[in-house]
């Protein structure tokens, strides 16, 4: 639960905040997963898949500004390669997407961040423990990153920090205003207790407004961590209102961690209801490599039934 907003905003595969880096740093991350399950991909059913879950490379750095005492400039560029092209093709001509491209300023006043960057509202999504969860893949409404964005993060004081982000995308002839969306929220961490609250609103380009409110809570005592989350999402044109909540617990055993989660999701107007439970374990092979195992099972009413998935993964970063 102890997520720093500035670390969330500009951290890459490495978790250290960018402002702590004195020189340019090249970093990257590759994760391969073996996935076994029923109905886990498209709802049509599948037996097994061996895939690259992440293939990321980036560069980041920071430097003091001689003409502005006490102010530091930083930057980050990060791309992701096409992870799963034709397995029988002789060459891979898949696309490369830009995950982040940002510049910023850091001083006693806090942080200013401009460009494509992480969505700071993700700090409240504490239940997103594993990428292969049916619920977190399909129901959590907060996107991971924002383009055409500007952000301000306050300095941390007594465990409290707040933020605001706006998205301004003037392209296209649509019904959007000058400011097309944004997020506001705060994090609080002190004495093992953590709380994150976020609100996000954006126009979809067709005159419809979407709103997402999220609250995440956590408490750590010794090696045990307990967490919970509630999220409400609403589309103002369709009047579809959805609610999701979840609870989880994790326990650290040296280099290993084990945990369990339960999540519940409802859309009353569409008569859709889902509940999911999952267990997971991870083990750090070193500072730059780890393995994991996950099992999740979701029961979706009003859909195509059960979704079960078992995942084994191996991750290496640099």
C-alpha atoms as a PDB file:
ATOM      1  CA  UNK A   1       0.000   0.000   0.000  1.00  0.00           C
ATOM      2  CA  UNK A   2       2.996   2.306   0.435  1.00  0.00           C
ATOM      3  CA  UNK A   3       2.969   3.797  -3.063  1.00  0.00           C
ATOM      4  CA  UNK A   4       4.704   7.124  -3.628  1.00  0.00           C
ATOM      5  CA  UNK A   5       2.848   9.200  -6.202  1.00  0.00           C
ATOM      6  CA  UNK A   6       6.012  10.479  -7.859  1.00  0.00           C
ATOM      7  CA  UNK A   7       7.427   6.971  -8.022  1.00  0.00           C
ATOM      8  CA  UNK A   8       4.184   5.818  -9.614  1.00  0.00           C
ATOM      9  CA  UNK A   9       4.267   8.709 -12.068  1.00  0.00           C
ATOM     10  CA  UNK A  10       7.716   8.183 -13.528  1.00  0.00           C
ATOM     11  CA  UNK A  11       9.082   4.842 -12.335  1.00  0.00           C
ATOM     12  CA  UNK A  12       9.863   2.285 -15.007  1.00  0.00           C
ATOM     13  CA  UNK A  13      10.511  -1.404 -14.566  1.00  0.00           C
ATOM     14  CA  UNK A  14      12.863  -0.355 -11.759  1.00  0.00           C
ATOM     15  CA  UNK A  15      11.051   0.956  -8.710  1.00  0.00           C
ATOM     16  CA  UNK A  16      13.410   3.809  -7.706  1.00  0.00           C
ATOM     17  CA  UNK A  17      11.995   7.304  -8.345  1.00  0.00           C
ATOM     18  CA  UNK A  18      13.471   8.992 -11.375  1.00  0.00           C
ATOM     19  CA  UNK A  19      14.475  12.037  -9.363  1.00  0.00           C
ATOM     20  CA  UNK A  20      16.929   9.896  -7.426  1.00  0.00           C
ATOM     21  CA  UNK A  21      18.946   9.133 -10.582  1.00  0.00           C
ATOM     22  CA  UNK A  22      21.904  11.455 -11.188  1.00  0.00           C
ATOM     23  CA  UNK A  23      22.738  10.229 -14.705  1.00  0.00           C
ATOM     24  CA  UNK A  24      20.877   8.655 -17.596  1.00  0.00           C
ATOM     25  CA  UNK A  25      19.797   5.110 -16.747  1.00  0.00           C
ATOM     26  CA  UNK A  26      18.897   2.430 -19.262  1.00  0.00           C
ATOM     27  CA  UNK A  27      16.405  -0.089 -17.894  1.00  0.00           C
ATOM     28  CA  UNK A  28      14.136  -2.816 -19.118  1.00  0.00           C
ATOM     29  CA  UNK A  29      11.965  -5.742 -18.205  1.00  0.00           C
ATOM     30  CA  UNK A  30      11.010  -9.046 -19.837  1.00  0.00           C
ATOM     31  CA  UNK A  31       8.448 -11.434 -18.385  1.00  0.00           C
ATOM     32  CA  UNK A  32       7.352 -14.762 -19.868  1.00  0.00           C
ATOM     33  CA  UNK A  33       4.251 -16.601 -18.672  1.00  0.00           C
ATOM     34  CA  UNK A  34       2.837 -20.058 -19.177  1.00  0.00           C
ATOM     35  CA  UNK A  35      -0.961 -19.872 -18.880  1.00  0.00           C
ATOM     36  CA  UNK A  36      -3.341 -22.788 -18.471  1.00  0.00           C
ATOM     37  CA  UNK A  37      -7.066 -22.427 -18.099  1.00  0.00           C
ATOM     38  CA  UNK A  38     -10.649 -22.569 -19.273  1.00  0.00           C
ATOM     39  CA  UNK A  39     -12.370 -19.602 -20.959  1.00  0.00           C
ATOM     40  CA  UNK A  40      -9.437 -17.362 -20.013  1.00  0.00           C
ATOM     41  CA  UNK A  41      -8.798 -15.564 -23.296  1.00  0.00           C
ATOM     42  CA  UNK A  42     -11.931 -14.767 -25.283  1.00  0.00           C
ATOM     43  CA  UNK A  43     -14.698 -16.619 -23.523  1.00  0.00           C
ATOM     44  CA  UNK A  44     -14.516 -19.341 -26.175  1.00  0.00           C
ATOM     45  CA  UNK A  45     -12.162 -21.527 -24.134  1.00  0.00           C
ATOM     46  CA  UNK A  46      -8.454 -22.258 -24.369  1.00  0.00           C
ATOM     47  CA  UNK A  47      -6.105 -24.841 -22.933  1.00  0.00           C
ATOM     48  CA  UNK A  48      -2.572 -23.413 -22.823  1.00  0.00           C
ATOM     49  CA  UNK A  49      -0.513 -20.441 -23.931  1.00  0.00           C
ATOM     50  CA  UNK A  50       3.159 -19.511 -23.567  1.00  0.00           C
ATOM     51  CA  UNK A  51       3.511 -15.771 -24.037  1.00  0.00           C
ATOM     52  CA  UNK A  52       5.689 -12.752 -23.403  1.00  0.00           C
ATOM     53  CA  UNK A  53       3.715 -10.675 -20.924  1.00  0.00           C
ATOM     54  CA  UNK A  54       6.138  -7.717 -20.863  1.00  0.00           C
ATOM     55  CA  UNK A  55       8.933  -6.604 -23.195  1.00  0.00           C
ATOM     56  CA  UNK A  56       9.834  -3.078 -22.090  1.00  0.00           C
ATOM     57  CA  UNK A  57      12.895  -0.871 -22.492  1.00  0.00           C
ATOM     58  CA  UNK A  58      13.398   2.734 -21.398  1.00  0.00           C
ATOM     59  CA  UNK A  59      15.813   5.468 -20.450  1.00  0.00           C
ATOM     60  CA  UNK A  60      15.478   8.012 -17.661  1.00  0.00           C
ATOM     61  CA  UNK A  61      17.640  10.631 -16.024  1.00  0.00           C
ATOM     62  CA  UNK A  62      17.822  13.847 -14.047  1.00  0.00           C
ATOM     63  CA  UNK A  63      20.095  16.875 -13.660  1.00  0.00           C
ATOM     64  CA  UNK A  64      20.296  20.025 -11.530  1.00  0.00           C
ATOM     65  CA  UNK A  65      19.402  23.344 -13.157  1.00  0.00           C
ATOM     66  CA  UNK A  66      22.243  25.811 -12.635  1.00  0.00           C
ATOM     67  CA  UNK A  67      20.017  28.840 -13.254  1.00  0.00           C
ATOM     68  CA  UNK A  68      17.249  27.659 -10.918  1.00  0.00           C
ATOM     69  CA  UNK A  69      18.706  26.831  -7.531  1.00  0.00           C
ATOM     70  CA  UNK A  70      17.141  23.831  -5.846  1.00  0.00           C
ATOM     71  CA  UNK A  71      15.300  22.719  -8.991  1.00  0.00           C
ATOM     72  CA  UNK A  72      15.986  19.482 -10.823  1.00  0.00           C
ATOM     73  CA  UNK A  73      14.891  18.514 -14.340  1.00  0.00           C
ATOM     74  CA  UNK A  74      14.149  14.920 -15.264  1.00  0.00           C
ATOM     75  CA  UNK A  75      12.930  12.923 -18.226  1.00  0.00           C
ATOM     76  CA  UNK A  76      11.786   9.434 -19.154  1.00  0.00           C
ATOM     77  CA  UNK A  77      11.128   7.590 -22.411  1.00  0.00           C
ATOM     78  CA  UNK A  78       9.751   4.033 -22.399  1.00  0.00           C
ATOM     79  CA  UNK A  79       8.555   1.738 -25.184  1.00  0.00           C
ATOM     80  CA  UNK A  80       7.027  -1.727 -25.339  1.00  0.00           C
ATOM     81  CA  UNK A  81       7.686  -4.213 -28.128  1.00  0.00           C
ATOM     82  CA  UNK A  82       5.070  -6.392 -29.780  1.00  0.00           C
ATOM     83  CA  UNK A  83       4.965  -9.260 -27.329  1.00  0.00           C
ATOM     84  CA  UNK A  84       3.307 -12.106 -29.199  1.00  0.00           C
ATOM     85  CA  UNK A  85       3.685 -12.039 -32.961  1.00  0.00           C
ATOM     86  CA  UNK A  86       3.128 -15.031 -35.262  1.00  0.00           C
ATOM     87  CA  UNK A  87       4.945 -17.880 -33.463  1.00  0.00           C
ATOM     88  CA  UNK A  88       5.706 -19.585 -36.796  1.00  0.00           C
ATOM     89  CA  UNK A  89       6.838 -16.463 -38.635  1.00  0.00           C
ATOM     90  CA  UNK A  90      10.504 -16.141 -39.626  1.00  0.00           C
ATOM     91  CA  UNK A  91      10.594 -12.430 -38.742  1.00  0.00           C
ATOM     92  CA  UNK A  92       8.754 -10.212 -36.296  1.00  0.00           C
ATOM     93  CA  UNK A  93       7.447  -7.030 -37.870  1.00  0.00           C
ATOM     94  CA  UNK A  94       5.112  -6.149 -35.028  1.00  0.00           C
ATOM     95  CA  UNK A  95       4.605  -2.675 -33.708  1.00  0.00           C
ATOM     96  CA  UNK A  96       6.459  -0.786 -30.996  1.00  0.00           C
ATOM     97  CA  UNK A  97       4.243   1.352 -28.749  1.00  0.00           C
ATOM     98  CA  UNK A  98       5.217   4.345 -26.633  1.00  0.00           C
ATOM     99  CA  UNK A  99       4.356   3.736 -22.994  1.00  0.00           C
ATOM    100  CA  UNK A 100       5.848   6.939 -21.591  1.00  0.00           C
ATOM    101  CA  UNK A 101       7.515  10.098 -22.921  1.00  0.00           C
ATOM    102  CA  UNK A 102       7.715  12.803 -20.268  1.00  0.00           C
ATOM    103  CA  UNK A 103       9.708  15.678 -18.826  1.00  0.00           C
ATOM    104  CA  UNK A 104       9.405  17.175 -15.366  1.00  0.00           C
ATOM    105  CA  UNK A 105      10.639  19.514 -12.660  1.00  0.00           C
ATOM    106  CA  UNK A 106      11.225  18.682  -8.999  1.00  0.00           C
ATOM    107  CA  UNK A 107      11.859  21.038  -6.074  1.00  0.00           C
ATOM    108  CA  UNK A 108      10.528  21.955  -2.656  1.00  0.00           C
ATOM    109  CA  UNK A 109       7.272  22.978  -4.381  1.00  0.00           C
ATOM    110  CA  UNK A 110       6.642  19.385  -5.471  1.00  0.00           C
ATOM    111  CA  UNK A 111       6.665  17.856  -8.942  1.00  0.00           C
ATOM    112  CA  UNK A 112       5.481  19.024 -12.359  1.00  0.00           C
ATOM    113  CA  UNK A 113       5.194  16.328 -15.049  1.00  0.00           C
ATOM    114  CA  UNK A 114       4.366  16.830 -18.742  1.00  0.00           C
ATOM    115  CA  UNK A 115       3.774  14.297 -21.511  1.00  0.00           C
ATOM    116  CA  UNK A 116       2.706  10.681 -21.686  1.00  0.00           C
ATOM    117  CA  UNK A 117       2.850   9.313 -18.155  1.00  0.00           C
ATOM    118  CA  UNK A 118       1.355   6.910 -15.655  1.00  0.00           C
ATOM    119  CA  UNK A 119      -2.169   7.576 -14.411  1.00  0.00           C
ATOM    120  CA  UNK A 120      -1.715   8.519 -10.745  1.00  0.00           C
ATOM    121  CA  UNK A 121      -5.227   7.244  -9.950  1.00  0.00           C
ATOM    122  CA  UNK A 122      -3.739   3.728 -10.162  1.00  0.00           C
ATOM    123  CA  UNK A 123      -2.366   4.227  -6.648  1.00  0.00           C
ATOM    124  CA  UNK A 124      -5.855   3.433  -5.339  1.00  0.00           C
ATOM    125  CA  UNK A 125      -6.162   0.157  -7.278  1.00  0.00           C
ATOM    126  CA  UNK A 126      -4.600  -1.941  -4.544  1.00  0.00           C
ATOM    127  CA  UNK A 127      -6.348  -5.168  -5.640  1.00  0.00           C
ATOM    128  CA  UNK A 128      -4.539  -5.309  -8.985  1.00  0.00           C
ATOM    129  CA  UNK A 129      -2.159  -7.968  -7.681  1.00  0.00           C
ATOM    130  CA  UNK A 130      -1.732 -10.102 -10.757  1.00  0.00           C
ATOM    131  CA  UNK A 131      -2.069  -9.244 -14.424  1.00  0.00           C
ATOM    132  CA  UNK A 132      -4.025 -12.389 -15.296  1.00  0.00           C
ATOM    133  CA  UNK A 133      -7.017 -11.780 -13.034  1.00  0.00           C
ATOM    134  CA  UNK A 134     -10.309 -11.808 -14.974  1.00  0.00           C
ATOM    135  CA  UNK A 135     -11.738  -9.078 -12.742  1.00  0.00           C
ATOM    136  CA  UNK A 136      -8.784  -6.704 -12.919  1.00  0.00           C
ATOM    137  CA  UNK A 137      -8.427  -7.211 -16.682  1.00  0.00           C
ATOM    138  CA  UNK A 138     -12.111  -6.642 -17.500  1.00  0.00           C
ATOM    139  CA  UNK A 139     -13.684  -4.545 -14.766  1.00  0.00           C
ATOM    140  CA  UNK A 140     -11.197  -2.118 -13.240  1.00  0.00           C
ATOM    141  CA  UNK A 141     -11.932   1.102 -15.073  1.00  0.00           C
ATOM    142  CA  UNK A 142      -8.778   3.192 -14.495  1.00  0.00           C
ATOM    143  CA  UNK A 143      -6.418   3.180 -17.486  1.00  0.00           C
ATOM    144  CA  UNK A 144      -2.717   2.675 -16.810  1.00  0.00           C
ATOM    145  CA  UNK A 145      -1.326   5.727 -18.628  1.00  0.00           C
ATOM    146  CA  UNK A 146      -2.412   9.158 -19.877  1.00  0.00           C
ATOM    147  CA  UNK A 147      -1.209  10.917 -23.028  1.00  0.00           C
ATOM    148  CA  UNK A 148      -1.224  14.677 -23.667  1.00  0.00           C
ATOM    149  CA  UNK A 149      -1.158  15.125 -19.889  1.00  0.00           C
ATOM    150  CA  UNK A 150       0.119  17.599 -17.303  1.00  0.00           C
ATOM    151  CA  UNK A 151       0.399  16.728 -13.614  1.00  0.00           C
ATOM    152  CA  UNK A 152       1.232  18.315 -10.300  1.00  0.00           C
ATOM    153  CA  UNK A 153       2.211  16.293  -7.215  1.00  0.00           C
ATOM    154  CA  UNK A 154       2.549  18.004  -3.843  1.00  0.00           C
ATOM    155  CA  UNK A 155       5.517  17.443  -1.544  1.00  0.00           C
ATOM    156  CA  UNK A 156       4.921  14.709   1.009  1.00  0.00           C
ATOM    157  CA  UNK A 157       4.023  16.040   4.460  1.00  0.00           C
ATOM    158  CA  UNK A 158       3.320  13.832   7.488  1.00  0.00           C
ATOM    159  CA  UNK A 159       2.593  10.892   5.201  1.00  0.00           C
ATOM    160  CA  UNK A 160       0.210  12.859   2.951  1.00  0.00           C
ATOM    161  CA  UNK A 161       0.617  13.755  -0.733  1.00  0.00           C
ATOM    162  CA  UNK A 162      -1.954  14.902  -3.289  1.00  0.00           C
ATOM    163  CA  UNK A 163      -2.064  15.291  -7.060  1.00  0.00           C
ATOM    164  CA  UNK A 164      -3.978  16.603 -10.030  1.00  0.00           C
ATOM    165  CA  UNK A 165      -3.723  15.601 -13.697  1.00  0.00           C
ATOM    166  CA  UNK A 166      -5.344  17.040 -16.825  1.00  0.00           C
ATOM    167  CA  UNK A 167      -5.496  15.674 -20.367  1.00  0.00           C
ATOM    168  CA  UNK A 168      -5.694  18.127 -23.283  1.00  0.00           C
ATOM    169  CA  UNK A 169      -6.134  16.548 -26.724  1.00  0.00           C
ATOM    170  CA  UNK A 170      -7.256  19.090 -29.308  1.00  0.00           C
ATOM    171  CA  UNK A 171      -7.258  16.792 -32.344  1.00  0.00           C
ATOM    172  CA  UNK A 172     -10.457  15.818 -34.122  1.00  0.00           C
ATOM    173  CA  UNK A 173     -13.870  17.409 -34.612  1.00  0.00           C
ATOM    174  CA  UNK A 174     -15.900  16.192 -31.670  1.00  0.00           C
ATOM    175  CA  UNK A 175     -17.853  17.398 -28.661  1.00  0.00           C
ATOM    176  CA  UNK A 176     -14.942  17.552 -26.237  1.00  0.00           C
ATOM    177  CA  UNK A 177     -13.970  20.700 -24.390  1.00  0.00           C
ATOM    178  CA  UNK A 178     -10.463  22.141 -24.176  1.00  0.00           C
ATOM    179  CA  UNK A 179      -9.721  19.922 -21.177  1.00  0.00           C
ATOM    180  CA  UNK A 180     -10.756  16.396 -22.148  1.00  0.00           C
ATOM    181  CA  UNK A 181     -10.309  14.699 -18.787  1.00  0.00           C
ATOM    182  CA  UNK A 182      -8.321  14.472 -15.622  1.00  0.00           C
ATOM    183  CA  UNK A 183      -7.779  12.937 -12.223  1.00  0.00           C
ATOM    184  CA  UNK A 184      -7.469  14.204  -8.657  1.00  0.00           C
ATOM    185  CA  UNK A 185      -6.608  12.269  -5.534  1.00  0.00           C
ATOM    186  CA  UNK A 186      -4.326  11.726  -2.582  1.00  0.00           C
ATOM    187  CA  UNK A 187      -2.229   9.125  -0.816  1.00  0.00           C
ATOM    188  CA  UNK A 188      -1.697   8.806   2.920  1.00  0.00           C
ATOM    189  CA  UNK A 189       0.785   6.413   4.522  1.00  0.00           C
ATOM    190  CA  UNK A 190       1.793   6.456   8.170  1.00  0.00           C
ATOM    191  CA  UNK A 191       2.498   3.831  10.807  1.00  0.00           C
ATOM    192  CA  UNK A 192       1.594   0.855   8.650  1.00  0.00           C
ATOM    193  CA  UNK A 193      -1.755   2.335   7.568  1.00  0.00           C
ATOM    194  CA  UNK A 194      -2.325   3.490   4.002  1.00  0.00           C
ATOM    195  CA  UNK A 195      -5.224   5.134   2.187  1.00  0.00           C
ATOM    196  CA  UNK A 196      -5.588   6.222  -1.449  1.00  0.00           C
ATOM    197  CA  UNK A 197      -8.571   8.073  -2.908  1.00  0.00           C
ATOM    198  CA  UNK A 198      -8.923   9.017  -6.588  1.00  0.00           C
ATOM    199  CA  UNK A 199     -11.512  10.485  -8.941  1.00  0.00           C
ATOM    200  CA  UNK A 200     -11.188  10.373 -12.724  1.00  0.00           C
ATOM    201  CA  UNK A 201     -13.432  11.980 -15.369  1.00  0.00           C
ATOM    202  CA  UNK A 202     -13.020  12.004 -19.140  1.00  0.00           C
ATOM    203  CA  UNK A 203     -14.959  12.580 -22.371  1.00  0.00           C
ATOM    204  CA  UNK A 204     -14.979   9.750 -24.903  1.00  0.00           C
ATOM    205  CA  UNK A 205     -15.007  12.047 -27.949  1.00  0.00           C
ATOM    206  CA  UNK A 206     -18.720  11.489 -28.628  1.00  0.00           C
ATOM    207  CA  UNK A 207     -20.060  13.827 -25.984  1.00  0.00           C
ATOM    208  CA  UNK A 208     -20.303  11.154 -23.296  1.00  0.00           C
ATOM    209  CA  UNK A 209     -18.692  11.580 -19.887  1.00  0.00           C
ATOM    210  CA  UNK A 210     -17.232   8.744 -17.858  1.00  0.00           C
ATOM    211  CA  UNK A 211     -16.518   8.949 -14.132  1.00  0.00           C
ATOM    212  CA  UNK A 212     -14.582   6.568 -11.876  1.00  0.00           C
ATOM    213  CA  UNK A 213     -14.165   6.918  -8.102  1.00  0.00           C
ATOM    214  CA  UNK A 214     -11.798   4.587  -6.244  1.00  0.00           C
ATOM    215  CA  UNK A 215     -10.836   4.084  -2.608  1.00  0.00           C
ATOM    216  CA  UNK A 216      -7.997   1.812  -1.548  1.00  0.00           C
ATOM    217  CA  UNK A 217      -7.052   0.936   2.036  1.00  0.00           C
ATOM    218  CA  UNK A 218      -4.208  -1.080   3.502  1.00  0.00           C
ATOM    219  CA  UNK A 219      -2.627  -2.006   6.803  1.00  0.00           C
ATOM    220  CA  UNK A 220       0.718  -3.719   7.394  1.00  0.00           C
ATOM    221  CA  UNK A 221       1.907  -5.268  10.618  1.00  0.00           C
ATOM    222  CA  UNK A 222       5.214  -7.137  10.616  1.00  0.00           C
ATOM    223  CA  UNK A 223       5.131  -9.436   7.532  1.00  0.00           C
ATOM    224  CA  UNK A 224       1.331  -9.375   7.103  1.00  0.00           C
ATOM    225  CA  UNK A 225      -0.475  -6.945   4.788  1.00  0.00           C
ATOM    226  CA  UNK A 226      -4.264  -6.518   4.589  1.00  0.00           C
ATOM    227  CA  UNK A 227      -5.896  -4.499   1.791  1.00  0.00           C
ATOM    228  CA  UNK A 228      -9.310  -3.546   0.478  1.00  0.00           C
ATOM    229  CA  UNK A 229     -10.706  -1.543  -2.429  1.00  0.00           C
ATOM    230  CA  UNK A 230     -14.004  -0.091  -3.635  1.00  0.00           C
ATOM    231  CA  UNK A 231     -14.599   1.368  -7.102  1.00  0.00           C
ATOM    232  CA  UNK A 232     -17.614   2.933  -8.772  1.00  0.00           C
ATOM    233  CA  UNK A 233     -17.760   3.633 -12.523  1.00  0.00           C
ATOM    234  CA  UNK A 234     -20.512   5.513 -14.365  1.00  0.00           C
ATOM    235  CA  UNK A 235     -21.220   6.438 -17.980  1.00  0.00           C
ATOM    236  CA  UNK A 236     -23.470   9.503 -18.020  1.00  0.00           C
ATOM    237  CA  UNK A 237     -24.982   8.835 -21.462  1.00  0.00           C
ATOM    238  CA  UNK A 238     -26.029   5.220 -20.883  1.00  0.00           C
ATOM    239  CA  UNK A 239     -26.623   5.658 -17.131  1.00  0.00           C
ATOM    240  CA  UNK A 240     -24.829   2.346 -16.604  1.00  0.00           C
ATOM    241  CA  UNK A 241     -23.458   2.261 -13.072  1.00  0.00           C
ATOM    242  CA  UNK A 242     -21.063  -0.457 -11.906  1.00  0.00           C
ATOM    243  CA  UNK A 243     -19.558  -1.273  -8.525  1.00  0.00           C
ATOM    244  CA  UNK A 244     -16.575  -3.414  -7.633  1.00  0.00           C
ATOM    245  CA  UNK A 245     -14.997  -4.235  -4.294  1.00  0.00           C
ATOM    246  CA  UNK A 246     -12.290  -6.570  -3.130  1.00  0.00           C
ATOM    247  CA  UNK A 247     -10.255  -7.654  -0.123  1.00  0.00           C
ATOM    248  CA  UNK A 248      -6.872  -9.330   0.070  1.00  0.00           C
ATOM    249  CA  UNK A 249      -4.117 -10.518   2.382  1.00  0.00           C
ATOM    250  CA  UNK A 250      -0.423 -11.189   1.758  1.00  0.00           C
ATOM    251  CA  UNK A 251       2.348 -12.598   3.925  1.00  0.00           C
ATOM    252  CA  UNK A 252       6.094 -12.251   3.332  1.00  0.00           C
ATOM    253  CA  UNK A 253       8.384 -15.180   4.080  1.00  0.00           C
ATOM    254  CA  UNK A 254      11.919 -13.959   3.443  1.00  0.00           C
ATOM    255  CA  UNK A 255      12.319 -13.784  -0.339  1.00  0.00           C
ATOM    256  CA  UNK A 256       8.890 -15.348  -0.857  1.00  0.00           C
ATOM    257  CA  UNK A 257       5.403 -13.867  -0.665  1.00  0.00           C
ATOM    258  CA  UNK A 258       2.039 -15.618  -0.601  1.00  0.00           C
ATOM    259  CA  UNK A 259      -1.396 -14.051  -0.825  1.00  0.00           C
ATOM    260  CA  UNK A 260      -5.095 -14.432  -1.501  1.00  0.00           C
ATOM    261  CA  UNK A 261      -7.803 -12.103  -2.857  1.00  0.00           C
ATOM    262  CA  UNK A 262     -11.578 -11.980  -3.306  1.00  0.00           C
ATOM    263  CA  UNK A 263     -13.393  -9.565  -5.657  1.00  0.00           C
ATOM    264  CA  UNK A 264     -17.051  -8.869  -6.454  1.00  0.00           C
ATOM    265  CA  UNK A 265     -18.423  -6.906  -9.434  1.00  0.00           C
ATOM    266  CA  UNK A 266     -21.979  -5.842 -10.379  1.00  0.00           C
ATOM    267  CA  UNK A 267     -23.736  -3.949 -13.188  1.00  0.00           C
ATOM    268  CA  UNK A 268     -27.360  -3.786 -12.067  1.00  0.00           C
ATOM    269  CA  UNK A 269     -28.804  -2.399 -15.314  1.00  0.00           C
ATOM    270  CA  UNK A 270     -27.294  -5.233 -17.390  1.00  0.00           C
ATOM    271  CA  UNK A 271     -27.887  -7.979 -14.856  1.00  0.00           C
ATOM    272  CA  UNK A 272     -24.152  -8.819 -14.781  1.00  0.00           C
ATOM    273  CA  UNK A 273     -22.563 -10.068 -11.580  1.00  0.00           C
ATOM    274  CA  UNK A 274     -19.167 -11.637 -11.039  1.00  0.00           C
ATOM    275  CA  UNK A 275     -17.189 -12.897  -8.086  1.00  0.00           C
ATOM    276  CA  UNK A 276     -13.583 -14.060  -8.200  1.00  0.00           C
ATOM    277  CA  UNK A 277     -11.099 -15.513  -5.772  1.00  0.00           C
ATOM    278  CA  UNK A 278      -7.406 -16.035  -6.309  1.00  0.00           C
ATOM    279  CA  UNK A 279      -4.191 -17.182  -4.671  1.00  0.00           C
ATOM    280  CA  UNK A 280      -0.665 -16.266  -5.670  1.00  0.00           C
ATOM    281  CA  UNK A 281       2.962 -16.781  -4.665  1.00  0.00           C
ATOM    282  CA  UNK A 282       6.194 -15.159  -5.764  1.00  0.00           C
ATOM    283  CA  UNK A 283       9.876 -15.700  -5.024  1.00  0.00           C
ATOM    284  CA  UNK A 284      12.750 -13.268  -5.578  1.00  0.00           C
ATOM    285  CA  UNK A 285      15.687 -15.096  -7.162  1.00  0.00           C
ATOM    286  CA  UNK A 286      17.750 -11.929  -6.782  1.00  0.00           C
ATOM    287  CA  UNK A 287      17.404  -8.167  -7.111  1.00  0.00           C
ATOM    288  CA  UNK A 288      16.612  -8.458 -10.824  1.00  0.00           C
ATOM    289  CA  UNK A 289      14.818 -11.787 -11.279  1.00  0.00           C
ATOM    290  CA  UNK A 290      11.756 -13.453  -9.811  1.00  0.00           C
ATOM    291  CA  UNK A 291       9.275 -16.287 -10.390  1.00  0.00           C
ATOM    292  CA  UNK A 292       5.565 -16.402  -9.637  1.00  0.00           C
ATOM    293  CA  UNK A 293       2.553 -18.700  -9.654  1.00  0.00           C
ATOM    294  CA  UNK A 294      -1.118 -17.636  -9.695  1.00  0.00           C
ATOM    295  CA  UNK A 295      -4.503 -19.285  -9.739  1.00  0.00           C
ATOM    296  CA  UNK A 296      -7.778 -17.405 -10.187  1.00  0.00           C
ATOM    297  CA  UNK A 297     -11.367 -18.543 -10.585  1.00  0.00           C
ATOM    298  CA  UNK A 298     -14.227 -16.231 -11.621  1.00  0.00           C
ATOM    299  CA  UNK A 299     -17.955 -17.000 -11.811  1.00  0.00           C
ATOM    300  CA  UNK A 300     -19.696 -14.548 -14.171  1.00  0.00           C
ATOM    301  CA  UNK A 301     -23.510 -14.472 -14.239  1.00  0.00           C
ATOM    302  CA  UNK A 302     -25.023 -13.050 -17.407  1.00  0.00           C
ATOM    303  CA  UNK A 303     -21.867 -13.959 -19.333  1.00  0.00           C
ATOM    304  CA  UNK A 304     -20.428 -17.270 -20.494  1.00  0.00           C
ATOM    305  CA  UNK A 305     -19.887 -18.829 -17.078  1.00  0.00           C
ATOM    306  CA  UNK A 306     -16.666 -19.699 -15.291  1.00  0.00           C
ATOM    307  CA  UNK A 307     -13.182 -18.402 -16.018  1.00  0.00           C
ATOM    308  CA  UNK A 308     -10.295 -20.378 -14.488  1.00  0.00           C
ATOM    309  CA  UNK A 309      -6.629 -19.641 -14.961  1.00  0.00           C
ATOM    310  CA  UNK A 310      -3.312 -20.955 -13.662  1.00  0.00           C
ATOM    311  CA  UNK A 311      -0.166 -18.944 -14.453  1.00  0.00           C
ATOM    312  CA  UNK A 312       3.538 -19.569 -13.943  1.00  0.00           C
ATOM    313  CA  UNK A 313       5.841 -16.650 -14.750  1.00  0.00           C
ATOM    314  CA  UNK A 314       9.528 -15.730 -14.870  1.00  0.00           C
ATOM    315  CA  UNK A 315      10.654 -12.089 -14.845  1.00  0.00           C
ATOM    316  CA  UNK A 316      14.080 -10.495 -15.416  1.00  0.00           C
ATOM    317  CA  UNK A 317      14.777  -6.753 -15.285  1.00  0.00           C
ATOM    318  CA  UNK A 318      17.884  -4.633 -15.798  1.00  0.00           C
END
